[in-house]
N, C-alpha and C. Protein backbone atom coordinates (compact mmCIF):
# COMPACT_ATOMS: atom_id res chain seq x y z
N MET A 1 25.13 26.30 33.73
CA MET A 1 26.46 25.98 33.01
C MET A 1 27.43 25.29 33.56
N MET A 2 27.74 25.45 34.62
CA MET A 2 28.99 24.86 35.39
C MET A 2 28.42 23.50 35.67
N ASN A 3 27.32 23.09 35.82
CA ASN A 3 26.77 21.88 36.27
C ASN A 3 27.06 20.95 34.84
N VAL A 4 26.49 21.61 33.84
CA VAL A 4 26.59 21.23 32.30
C VAL A 4 27.93 20.77 31.88
N MET A 5 28.97 21.64 32.55
CA MET A 5 30.34 21.57 32.08
C MET A 5 30.94 20.16 33.24
N LEU A 6 30.33 20.19 34.66
CA LEU A 6 30.76 19.83 35.57
C LEU A 6 30.22 17.76 34.86
N LEU A 7 29.23 17.76 34.35
CA LEU A 7 28.42 16.53 33.98
C LEU A 7 29.17 16.22 32.50
N PHE A 8 29.39 16.92 31.80
CA PHE A 8 30.33 16.56 30.54
C PHE A 8 31.47 16.09 31.11
N SER A 9 32.17 16.66 32.01
CA SER A 9 33.91 15.97 32.11
C SER A 9 33.59 14.79 32.85
N LEU A 10 32.44 14.70 33.31
CA LEU A 10 32.23 13.26 34.20
C LEU A 10 31.82 12.32 33.37
N LEU A 11 31.08 12.07 32.19
CA LEU A 11 30.50 11.19 31.52
C LEU A 11 31.36 11.12 30.21
N LEU A 12 32.35 12.17 29.90
CA LEU A 12 33.45 12.02 28.69
C LEU A 12 34.10 10.59 28.92
N PRO A 13 34.82 10.21 30.22
CA PRO A 13 35.59 9.56 30.45
C PRO A 13 34.53 8.19 30.08
N LEU A 14 33.77 7.91 30.21
CA LEU A 14 32.57 6.61 30.17
C LEU A 14 32.45 6.77 28.87
N VAL A 15 32.42 7.34 27.88
CA VAL A 15 32.09 7.52 26.44
C VAL A 15 33.20 7.00 25.89
N SER A 16 34.04 7.86 26.18
CA SER A 16 35.41 7.64 25.48
C SER A 16 36.17 6.01 25.97
N ALA A 17 35.70 5.83 27.06
CA ALA A 17 35.97 4.33 27.23
C ALA A 17 35.37 3.26 26.41
N ASP A 18 33.99 3.55 26.61
CA ASP A 18 33.19 2.29 25.91
C ASP A 18 33.30 2.90 24.37
N MET A 19 33.86 3.94 23.65
CA MET A 19 34.47 3.71 22.63
C MET A 19 35.59 2.57 22.05
N VAL A 20 36.84 2.99 23.26
CA VAL A 20 37.98 2.50 23.32
C VAL A 20 37.54 0.79 23.23
N MET A 21 36.59 0.35 23.98
CA MET A 21 35.82 -1.07 24.09
C MET A 21 35.34 -1.52 23.00
N ALA A 22 34.49 -0.61 22.24
CA ALA A 22 33.83 -1.24 20.74
C ALA A 22 34.82 -1.23 20.11
N GLU A 23 35.87 -0.29 19.86
CA GLU A 23 37.05 -0.42 18.88
C GLU A 23 37.63 -1.78 18.95
N GLU A 24 38.14 -1.77 20.72
CA GLU A 24 39.07 -3.00 20.89
C GLU A 24 38.30 -4.42 20.32
N GLU A 25 36.89 -4.44 20.62
CA GLU A 25 35.91 -5.56 20.27
C GLU A 25 36.20 -6.07 18.58
N MET A 26 35.96 -4.74 17.59
CA MET A 26 36.22 -4.44 16.32
C MET A 26 37.50 -5.36 16.06
N THR A 27 38.59 -4.81 16.50
CA THR A 27 39.71 -5.32 15.64
C THR A 27 40.32 -5.92 16.09
N SER A 28 39.71 -7.21 17.33
CA SER A 28 39.97 -8.33 17.86
C SER A 28 39.18 -9.46 16.84
N HIS A 29 38.60 -8.70 15.79
CA HIS A 29 37.93 -9.95 15.18
C HIS A 29 38.42 -9.39 13.42
N LEU A 30 39.90 -8.55 13.35
CA LEU A 30 40.84 -8.27 12.04
C LEU A 30 42.24 -8.66 12.25
N ILE A 31 42.26 -9.47 11.09
CA ILE A 31 43.79 -9.94 11.39
C ILE A 31 44.69 -8.66 10.43
N CYS A 32 45.92 -8.47 11.01
CA CYS A 32 46.66 -7.29 10.51
C CYS A 32 46.83 -7.77 9.09
N PRO A 33 47.14 -6.83 8.17
CA PRO A 33 47.36 -7.17 6.63
C PRO A 33 48.61 -7.13 6.51
N CYS A 34 49.31 -7.00 7.51
CA CYS A 34 51.34 -7.06 7.20
C CYS A 34 51.69 -8.41 7.31
N GLU A 35 53.11 -8.68 7.27
CA GLU A 35 53.28 -9.69 7.63
C GLU A 35 52.94 -10.42 8.39
N CYS A 36 52.82 -9.89 9.67
CA CYS A 36 52.84 -10.84 11.05
C CYS A 36 51.83 -11.40 11.35
N ASP A 37 50.13 -11.18 10.47
CA ASP A 37 48.97 -12.01 10.77
C ASP A 37 48.70 -12.19 11.94
N MET A 38 48.82 -10.93 13.16
CA MET A 38 48.25 -11.19 14.21
C MET A 38 46.70 -10.46 14.22
N VAL A 39 46.16 -10.31 15.41
CA VAL A 39 44.77 -9.98 15.48
C VAL A 39 45.22 -8.36 15.43
N ILE A 40 44.71 -7.42 14.74
CA ILE A 40 44.96 -6.42 15.01
C ILE A 40 44.74 -5.55 16.58
N SER A 41 43.90 -5.67 17.62
CA SER A 41 43.79 -5.27 18.52
C SER A 41 45.08 -5.70 19.38
N THR A 42 46.36 -6.91 19.24
CA THR A 42 47.43 -7.03 20.10
C THR A 42 48.45 -6.71 19.11
N CYS A 43 48.11 -6.43 17.77
CA CYS A 43 49.56 -6.05 17.07
C CYS A 43 50.07 -4.39 17.07
N ASP A 44 51.45 -4.28 17.34
CA ASP A 44 51.58 -2.97 17.47
C ASP A 44 52.21 -2.30 16.26
N CYS A 45 52.41 -3.28 15.23
CA CYS A 45 52.82 -2.62 14.20
C CYS A 45 52.51 -1.14 13.43
N THR A 46 52.84 -0.60 12.11
CA THR A 46 52.38 0.46 12.11
C THR A 46 51.05 0.30 11.26
N THR A 47 50.96 -0.89 10.32
CA THR A 47 49.65 -0.95 9.50
C THR A 47 48.81 -0.99 10.86
N ALA A 48 48.55 -1.90 11.87
CA ALA A 48 47.59 -1.97 12.55
C ALA A 48 47.51 -0.41 13.38
N ILE A 49 48.66 0.19 13.47
CA ILE A 49 48.01 1.30 14.49
C ILE A 49 47.24 2.17 13.56
N GLN A 50 47.84 2.65 12.05
CA GLN A 50 47.15 2.83 11.04
C GLN A 50 45.55 2.86 10.94
N ILE A 51 45.34 1.19 10.96
CA ILE A 51 43.96 0.62 10.94
C ILE A 51 42.99 1.33 11.97
N LYS A 52 43.76 0.75 13.23
CA LYS A 52 42.95 1.64 14.39
C LYS A 52 42.75 2.85 14.66
N LYS A 53 43.30 3.76 13.54
CA LYS A 53 42.99 5.34 13.49
C LYS A 53 42.14 5.57 12.51
N GLU A 54 42.30 4.40 11.25
CA GLU A 54 41.10 4.27 10.80
C GLU A 54 39.59 4.14 11.27
N ILE A 55 39.65 3.19 11.88
CA ILE A 55 38.49 3.04 12.54
C ILE A 55 37.68 3.70 13.63
N SER A 56 38.98 4.43 14.54
CA SER A 56 38.52 5.53 15.13
C SER A 56 37.97 6.96 14.21
N SER A 57 38.40 6.81 13.36
CA SER A 57 37.93 8.18 12.40
C SER A 57 36.48 7.75 11.71
N MET A 58 36.09 6.09 11.69
CA MET A 58 35.09 5.97 10.79
C MET A 58 33.92 6.22 12.07
N LYS A 59 34.26 5.63 13.19
CA LYS A 59 33.64 5.75 14.48
C LYS A 59 32.90 7.51 14.66
N VAL A 60 33.72 7.88 14.52
CA VAL A 60 33.63 9.53 15.01
C VAL A 60 32.82 9.86 13.84
N ASN A 61 32.89 9.76 12.65
CA ASN A 61 32.05 9.98 11.29
C ASN A 61 30.49 9.39 11.33
N GLY A 62 30.47 8.42 12.36
CA GLY A 62 28.82 7.87 12.36
C GLY A 62 28.96 6.43 11.49
N PHE A 63 30.01 5.57 11.06
CA PHE A 63 29.91 5.11 10.12
C PHE A 63 29.40 3.33 11.23
N SER A 64 28.72 2.72 10.96
CA SER A 64 28.36 1.42 11.63
C SER A 64 29.23 0.10 11.45
N ASP A 65 29.17 -0.60 12.50
CA ASP A 65 30.31 -1.60 12.44
C ASP A 65 30.55 -2.46 11.42
N LYS A 66 29.23 -2.58 10.66
CA LYS A 66 28.66 -3.47 9.40
C LYS A 66 30.11 -2.53 8.50
N GLN A 67 29.46 -1.06 7.94
CA GLN A 67 30.13 -0.35 6.88
C GLN A 67 31.58 -0.35 7.20
N ILE A 68 31.98 -0.15 9.01
CA ILE A 68 33.60 -0.28 8.90
C ILE A 68 34.28 -1.75 8.10
N PHE A 69 33.59 -2.58 8.68
CA PHE A 69 33.90 -3.98 8.23
C PHE A 69 33.86 -3.96 6.19
N SER A 70 32.93 -3.37 6.21
CA SER A 70 33.11 -3.68 4.51
C SER A 70 33.97 -2.61 4.00
N ALA A 71 34.27 -1.77 4.68
CA ALA A 71 35.17 -0.40 4.16
C ALA A 71 36.84 -1.08 4.02
N LEU A 72 36.78 -1.78 5.29
CA LEU A 72 38.07 -2.52 5.36
C LEU A 72 38.35 -3.49 4.40
N LYS A 73 37.30 -3.71 4.40
CA LYS A 73 37.42 -5.70 3.03
C LYS A 73 37.46 -4.86 1.90
N ALA A 74 36.93 -3.99 1.54
CA ALA A 74 37.33 -3.64 0.29
C ALA A 74 38.57 -3.07 0.34
N GLU A 75 39.11 -2.42 1.06
CA GLU A 75 40.52 -1.42 1.20
C GLU A 75 41.98 -2.50 1.41
N TYR A 76 41.47 -3.31 2.24
CA TYR A 76 42.63 -4.32 2.58
C TYR A 76 42.14 -5.77 1.92
N GLY A 77 41.29 -6.21 1.39
CA GLY A 77 40.33 -7.40 0.96
C GLY A 77 39.83 -7.98 2.01
N ASN A 78 39.37 -9.35 1.81
CA ASN A 78 38.39 -10.16 2.75
C ASN A 78 39.44 -10.85 3.56
N ASP A 79 40.55 -11.24 3.51
CA ASP A 79 41.78 -11.96 4.37
C ASP A 79 41.83 -11.29 5.69
N ILE A 80 41.51 -9.77 6.00
CA ILE A 80 41.91 -9.29 6.81
C ILE A 80 40.60 -9.51 7.90
N VAL A 81 39.05 -10.22 7.63
CA VAL A 81 38.71 -10.65 8.77
C VAL A 81 38.55 -12.05 9.38
N ALA A 82 39.04 -11.89 10.58
CA ALA A 82 39.67 -13.46 11.25
C ALA A 82 38.26 -14.36 11.10
N GLN A 83 37.43 -13.90 11.55
CA GLN A 83 36.06 -14.92 11.80
C GLN A 83 35.76 -15.62 10.14
N GLU A 84 36.41 -15.37 9.22
CA GLU A 84 36.54 -15.74 7.60
C GLU A 84 37.71 -17.16 7.73
N LYS A 85 38.87 -16.33 7.97
CA LYS A 85 40.15 -17.59 8.49
C LYS A 85 39.85 -18.40 9.16
N ILE A 86 39.15 -17.95 10.35
CA ILE A 86 38.65 -19.13 11.30
C ILE A 86 37.80 -20.34 10.73
N TYR A 87 37.18 -19.51 9.85
CA TYR A 87 36.11 -20.63 9.65
C TYR A 87 36.39 -21.57 8.38
N THR A 88 37.51 -21.21 7.28
CA THR A 88 38.22 -21.74 6.63
C THR A 88 39.25 -23.21 6.92
N THR A 89 39.76 -22.34 7.90
CA THR A 89 40.79 -23.40 8.61
C THR A 89 39.78 -24.36 9.37
N SER A 90 38.89 -24.49 10.04
CA SER A 90 37.89 -25.05 10.82
C SER A 90 37.54 -26.18 9.75
N LEU A 91 37.20 -25.44 8.78
CA LEU A 91 36.78 -26.63 7.93
C LEU A 91 38.03 -27.59 7.46
N TRP A 92 38.91 -27.16 7.08
CA TRP A 92 40.09 -27.99 6.61
C TRP A 92 40.27 -28.57 7.58
N VAL A 93 40.60 -28.24 8.96
CA VAL A 93 40.63 -29.38 9.92
C VAL A 93 39.39 -30.28 9.86
N GLY A 94 38.58 -30.00 9.92
CA GLY A 94 37.63 -31.12 10.18
C GLY A 94 37.29 -32.10 9.32
N GLY A 95 38.08 -31.41 7.93
CA GLY A 95 37.64 -32.58 6.59
C GLY A 95 38.93 -33.63 7.14
N LEU A 96 40.13 -33.03 7.38
CA LEU A 96 41.12 -33.81 7.85
C LEU A 96 40.84 -34.87 8.58
N PHE A 97 40.35 -34.15 10.08
CA PHE A 97 40.19 -35.57 10.78
C PHE A 97 38.91 -36.14 10.50
N LEU A 98 37.93 -35.87 9.60
CA LEU A 98 36.99 -37.36 9.12
C LEU A 98 37.88 -38.07 8.09
N SER A 99 38.58 -37.55 7.17
CA SER A 99 39.54 -38.41 6.26
C SER A 99 40.27 -39.29 7.61
N VAL A 100 40.73 -38.97 8.29
CA VAL A 100 41.78 -39.82 8.91
C VAL A 100 40.92 -40.89 9.33
N VAL A 101 39.68 -40.31 10.37
CA VAL A 101 38.73 -41.30 10.76
C VAL A 101 38.44 -42.60 9.61
N LEU A 102 37.98 -41.82 8.66
CA LEU A 102 37.04 -42.46 7.73
C LEU A 102 38.66 -43.75 7.28
N LEU A 103 39.58 -43.20 7.21
CA LEU A 103 41.18 -43.97 6.67
C LEU A 103 41.12 -45.10 7.38
N LEU A 104 40.73 -45.12 8.82
CA LEU A 104 41.47 -46.04 9.69
C LEU A 104 40.32 -46.78 9.83
N LEU A 105 38.89 -46.50 9.83
CA LEU A 105 37.63 -47.70 10.03
C LEU A 105 37.71 -48.35 8.82
N GLY A 106 38.27 -47.73 7.93
CA GLY A 106 38.22 -48.87 6.58
C GLY A 106 39.47 -49.74 6.60
N TYR A 107 40.45 -49.35 7.30
CA TYR A 107 41.81 -49.96 7.53
C TYR A 107 41.25 -51.15 8.68
N PHE A 108 40.65 -50.92 9.69
CA PHE A 108 40.13 -51.60 10.33
C PHE A 108 38.99 -52.92 9.90
N MET A 109 37.94 -52.32 9.15
CA MET A 109 36.93 -53.17 8.43
C MET A 109 37.60 -54.26 7.94
N LYS A 110 38.94 -53.94 7.06
CA LYS A 110 39.55 -54.73 5.84
C LYS A 110 40.08 -55.59 6.73
N THR A 111 40.91 -55.38 8.10
CA THR A 111 41.89 -56.04 8.51
C THR A 111 41.19 -56.88 9.88
N LYS A 112 40.43 -56.61 10.04
CA LYS A 112 39.04 -57.29 10.89
C LYS A 112 39.40 -58.57 10.33
N LEU A 113 39.59 -59.94 11.34
CA LEU A 113 39.44 -61.10 10.89
C LEU A 113 37.91 -61.15 11.14
N ASN A 114 37.66 -62.47 9.82
CA ASN A 114 36.13 -62.95 10.09
C ASN A 114 35.68 -63.86 10.96
N PRO A 115 34.83 -64.11 11.99
CA PRO A 115 34.96 -65.14 13.10
C PRO A 115 34.70 -66.63 11.90
N LEU A 116 34.09 -66.40 11.07
CA LEU A 116 33.97 -67.71 10.53
C LEU A 116 34.84 -67.97 9.49
N VAL A 117 35.78 -67.55 9.17
CA VAL A 117 37.15 -68.01 8.58
C VAL A 117 37.72 -68.61 9.64
N LEU A 118 37.87 -67.87 10.91
CA LEU A 118 39.16 -68.33 11.32
C LEU A 118 38.91 -70.66 11.82
N PRO A 119 40.12 -71.28 11.77
CA PRO A 119 39.96 -72.46 12.22
C PRO A 119 39.37 -72.94 13.78
N SER A 120 38.81 -73.53 13.91
CA SER A 120 38.40 -74.03 15.08
C SER A 120 39.18 -75.00 15.20
N ASP A 121 39.14 -75.30 16.95
CA ASP A 121 40.14 -76.76 16.93
C ASP A 121 39.75 -78.32 16.41
N LYS A 122 38.35 -78.37 15.96
CA LYS A 122 38.29 -79.24 15.06
C LYS A 122 38.74 -79.11 13.83
N TYR A 123 38.82 -78.26 13.31
CA TYR A 123 39.07 -78.11 11.58
C TYR A 123 40.76 -78.22 12.08
N GLN A 124 41.09 -77.52 13.10
CA GLN A 124 42.91 -77.24 13.07
C GLN A 124 43.20 -78.73 13.33
N GLN A 125 42.48 -79.98 13.86
CA GLN A 125 43.00 -81.29 14.11
C GLN A 125 43.01 -81.71 12.57
N GLN A 126 41.98 -81.81 12.07
CA GLN A 126 41.98 -82.68 11.11
C GLN A 126 42.58 -81.96 10.10
N PHE A 127 42.74 -80.70 9.89
CA PHE A 127 43.90 -80.28 9.20
C PHE A 127 45.33 -80.78 9.40
N GLU A 128 45.60 -80.96 10.32
CA GLU A 128 47.30 -81.18 11.00
C GLU A 128 47.01 -82.93 10.82
N GLU A 129 46.19 -83.72 10.45
CA GLU A 129 45.78 -85.32 10.26
C GLU A 129 45.76 -85.39 8.64
N GLU A 130 45.42 -85.05 8.03
CA GLU A 130 45.50 -84.48 6.64
C GLU A 130 46.84 -84.20 5.91
N TYR A 131 47.31 -83.34 6.75
CA TYR A 131 48.82 -82.95 6.25
C TYR A 131 50.02 -83.58 6.39
N ARG A 132 49.74 -84.72 7.52
CA ARG A 132 50.66 -85.70 7.85
C ARG A 132 50.90 -86.73 7.23
N ARG A 133 49.18 -87.17 6.71
CA ARG A 133 49.04 -87.83 5.70
C ARG A 133 49.68 -87.87 4.08
N PHE A 134 49.49 -86.66 4.02
CA PHE A 134 50.42 -86.21 2.97
C PHE A 134 51.72 -86.25 2.76
N VAL A 135 51.73 -85.75 4.00
CA VAL A 135 53.65 -85.61 4.09
C VAL A 135 54.02 -87.02 3.86
N ASP A 136 53.42 -88.22 4.71
CA ASP A 136 53.61 -89.87 4.80
C ASP A 136 53.81 -90.19 3.66
N GLU A 137 52.57 -89.75 2.37
CA GLU A 137 52.55 -90.70 1.24
C GLU A 137 53.47 -89.78 0.49
N MET A 138 53.60 -88.25 0.37
CA MET A 138 54.93 -88.11 -0.63
C MET A 138 56.05 -88.70 0.09
N GLY A 139 56.48 -88.97 0.99
CA GLY A 139 57.65 -89.82 2.03
C GLY A 139 57.71 -91.07 1.11
N GLU A 140 56.76 -91.75 1.10
CA GLU A 140 56.86 -93.02 0.34
C GLU A 140 57.01 -93.00 -0.60
N LYS A 141 56.52 -92.21 -1.53
CA LYS A 141 56.89 -92.36 -3.16
C LYS A 141 58.22 -91.87 -3.58
């Protein structure tokens, strides 16, 4: 009996440390529903503490991580899950980045000078001669 108690007392800190690590990993994927918008694992407000207690209670009662996430979503809404916020944010950032790239690409394509339209030296000289003739003719009239 004494050996069982000794074994239990040695294993208890390991089990509780494992539960704390699992709870911390779970709360690092949740956003605090109060006004602070911090991750629950780093938030110390009363709402975050309450949610941490709820998670611990659900873990003790045998809820799986998926069930806990579902219960928290039902209670606090979908915004509590950090992955969904990050996902939509990354879509917005990606869309804005793509829009800027496409706008710049369109701008450079539009303003890029066509080498066939640029006057070469020959055409430049011809233009200057014709322009001088035109000016001389206009001056004579």
